[in-house]
Each structure stands twice: as structure tokens, then as C-alpha cells.
């Protein structure tokens, strides 16, 4: 769909005449916030999508209507259907392989000469 096209143009929420390609938009937001701190502090960031910057007074209205909220809720529901991690770990049959190294013996034997730089 067009919303996933990395080449589509998006209007900057800080400076309305800025139009940025979708793939560059996150980077533009960071730079544009730095360049326009007075405008940036009047805007609030959506908790569901950091690319959504809205006037602070409109944030609660935006949150109720944000399309990305549905994705977040869907993710939470799908995670609640997964078995708890404890059940997954208790059923594991994996065991660590035996270790052939014995550092104390190697140190006592001192068979290898120490490494000297230069």
C-alpha cells in the first residue's frame, strides 16, 4: 500500500512547508526539533508512534483516534495468548556441553612461555 512506500512524501509537523520522504522522516524530525526548539516544545509525541507530533492540547484527542493504537492493542492481546516464559523454560531439555578447560592446572603447569610484547 501507499502508506508503506519509503519514497512517499510526508509533511513535517513542525514546519508545514517541509516535505520529506518517508524513509528519511525520523532523521528529519530529530534535526527539525533541534532547529526549531520553540515550535517543538509546543508539540507532544504520540505514545503509539513517535512520528506523530501534535499540539499538546490535542494529544488526548489524537490518542483516542490514532491508527497505530490498534496495532499496539493487537500486539498486547497476541502476547497475552502466549504461554508464560516459566512454562517454556521448565520444559527445556537443553544442557550445557561439558567443559574441557581447567585453568588452574594450566596455570600450575606453566608449560607455555608467557607472551611478551616486542
Protein backbone atom coordinates (compact mmCIF):
# COMPACT_ATOMS: atom_id res chain seq x y z
CA UNK A 1 0.00 0.00 0.00
CA UNK A 2 0.99 3.64 -0.39
CA UNK A 3 1.44 4.15 3.36
CA UNK A 4 4.35 1.69 3.31
CA UNK A 5 6.11 3.33 0.35
CA UNK A 6 9.50 4.65 1.59
CA UNK A 7 9.53 7.23 -1.22
CA UNK A 8 6.20 8.89 -0.39
CA UNK A 9 6.34 12.48 0.84
CA UNK A 10 5.25 13.35 4.38
CA UNK A 11 4.57 16.83 5.69
CA UNK A 12 6.72 17.83 8.67
CA UNK A 13 4.60 18.53 11.78
CA UNK A 14 6.99 21.31 12.85
CA UNK A 15 7.48 23.31 9.64
CA UNK A 16 4.50 22.85 7.32
CA UNK A 17 6.38 23.61 4.07
CA UNK A 18 8.90 20.79 4.77
CA UNK A 19 8.02 17.67 2.76
CA UNK A 20 10.25 14.67 3.49
CA UNK A 21 10.49 11.17 2.05
CA UNK A 22 9.11 8.58 4.48
CA UNK A 23 12.44 6.78 4.75
CA UNK A 24 14.16 10.00 5.93
CA UNK A 25 11.33 11.22 8.17
CA UNK A 26 12.66 10.02 11.57
CA UNK A 27 16.02 11.70 10.91
CA UNK A 28 14.31 14.88 9.75
CA UNK A 29 12.21 15.04 12.92
CA UNK A 30 15.30 14.91 15.12
CA UNK A 31 17.07 17.66 13.18
CA UNK A 32 13.97 19.80 12.79
CA UNK A 33 13.24 19.64 16.55
CA UNK A 34 16.80 20.83 17.22
CA UNK A 35 16.48 23.65 14.68
CA UNK A 36 13.05 24.73 15.92
CA UNK A 37 13.02 24.29 19.73
CA UNK A 38 10.26 26.87 20.28
CA UNK A 39 7.88 25.01 17.97
CA UNK A 40 8.99 21.60 19.27
CA UNK A 41 8.17 22.37 22.90
CA UNK A 42 4.56 23.20 21.92
CA UNK A 43 4.13 19.73 20.45
CA UNK A 44 3.59 16.39 22.18
CA UNK A 45 4.71 12.97 20.95
CA UNK A 46 2.12 10.23 20.44
CA UNK A 47 2.79 7.23 22.74
CA UNK A 48 1.92 4.83 19.90
CA UNK A 49 4.07 6.35 17.14
CA UNK A 50 6.95 8.76 17.77
CA UNK A 51 6.49 10.17 14.26
CA UNK A 52 3.18 11.69 15.35
CA UNK A 53 3.79 15.14 16.80
CA UNK A 54 0.61 17.03 17.70
CA UNK A 55 -0.13 20.23 19.60
CA UNK A 56 -0.10 19.43 23.33
CA UNK A 57 -3.75 20.45 23.69
CA UNK A 58 -4.75 17.91 21.01
CA UNK A 59 -2.79 14.92 22.36
CA UNK A 60 -5.66 13.21 24.22
CA UNK A 61 -7.91 13.54 21.15
CA UNK A 62 -5.11 12.17 18.94
CA UNK A 63 -4.58 9.20 21.28
CA UNK A 64 -8.24 8.16 21.04
CA UNK A 65 -8.13 8.32 17.21
CA UNK A 66 -4.56 7.18 16.47
CA UNK A 67 -4.45 4.35 13.92
CA UNK A 68 -1.29 2.92 15.50
CA UNK A 69 -3.14 2.38 18.78
CA UNK A 70 -4.94 -0.58 17.18
CA UNK A 71 -1.60 -2.22 16.29
CA UNK A 72 -0.39 -1.78 19.87
CA UNK A 73 -3.59 -3.24 21.33
CA UNK A 74 -3.42 -6.16 18.89
CA UNK A 75 0.19 -6.84 19.96
CA UNK A 76 -0.78 -6.82 23.65
CA UNK A 77 -3.63 -9.27 23.00
CA UNK A 78 -1.40 -11.64 20.99
CA UNK A 79 1.23 -11.60 23.75
CA UNK A 80 -1.38 -12.45 26.40
CA UNK A 81 -2.21 -15.60 24.41
CA UNK A 82 1.38 -16.89 24.57
CA UNK A 83 2.30 -19.33 27.36
CA UNK A 84 4.25 -17.78 30.24
CA UNK A 85 8.05 -17.92 29.89
CA UNK A 86 8.35 -20.09 33.05
CA UNK A 87 6.43 -22.89 31.35
CA UNK A 88 8.69 -22.69 28.31
CA UNK A 89 11.86 -22.79 30.43
CA UNK A 90 10.69 -25.64 32.70
CA UNK A 91 10.13 -27.89 29.69
CA UNK A 92 13.58 -27.29 28.21
CA UNK A 93 15.86 -30.31 27.85
CA UNK A 94 18.95 -28.30 26.81
CA UNK A 95 22.11 -28.87 28.85
CA UNK A 96 25.43 -27.08 28.66
CA UNK A 97 28.16 -29.13 26.97
CA UNK A 98 30.95 -30.41 29.23
CA UNK A 99 33.92 -28.08 29.59
CA UNK A 100 37.38 -29.49 28.84
CA UNK A 101 39.28 -26.48 30.17
CA UNK A 102 40.99 -26.45 33.56
CA UNK A 103 42.58 -23.05 34.06
CA UNK A 104 44.11 -23.88 37.45
CA UNK A 105 46.01 -26.88 36.06
CA UNK A 106 47.22 -24.90 33.07
CA UNK A 107 48.43 -22.13 35.37
CA UNK A 108 50.30 -24.55 37.66
CA UNK A 109 51.91 -26.44 34.79
CA UNK A 110 53.09 -23.20 33.21
CA UNK A 111 54.18 -25.25 30.21
CA UNK A 112 53.75 -22.39 27.80
CA UNK A 113 56.05 -19.41 28.00
CA UNK A 114 54.29 -16.15 28.81
CA UNK A 115 53.56 -13.79 25.97
CA UNK A 116 55.88 -10.79 25.90
CA UNK A 117 55.17 -7.85 23.61
CA UNK A 118 58.07 -6.74 21.40
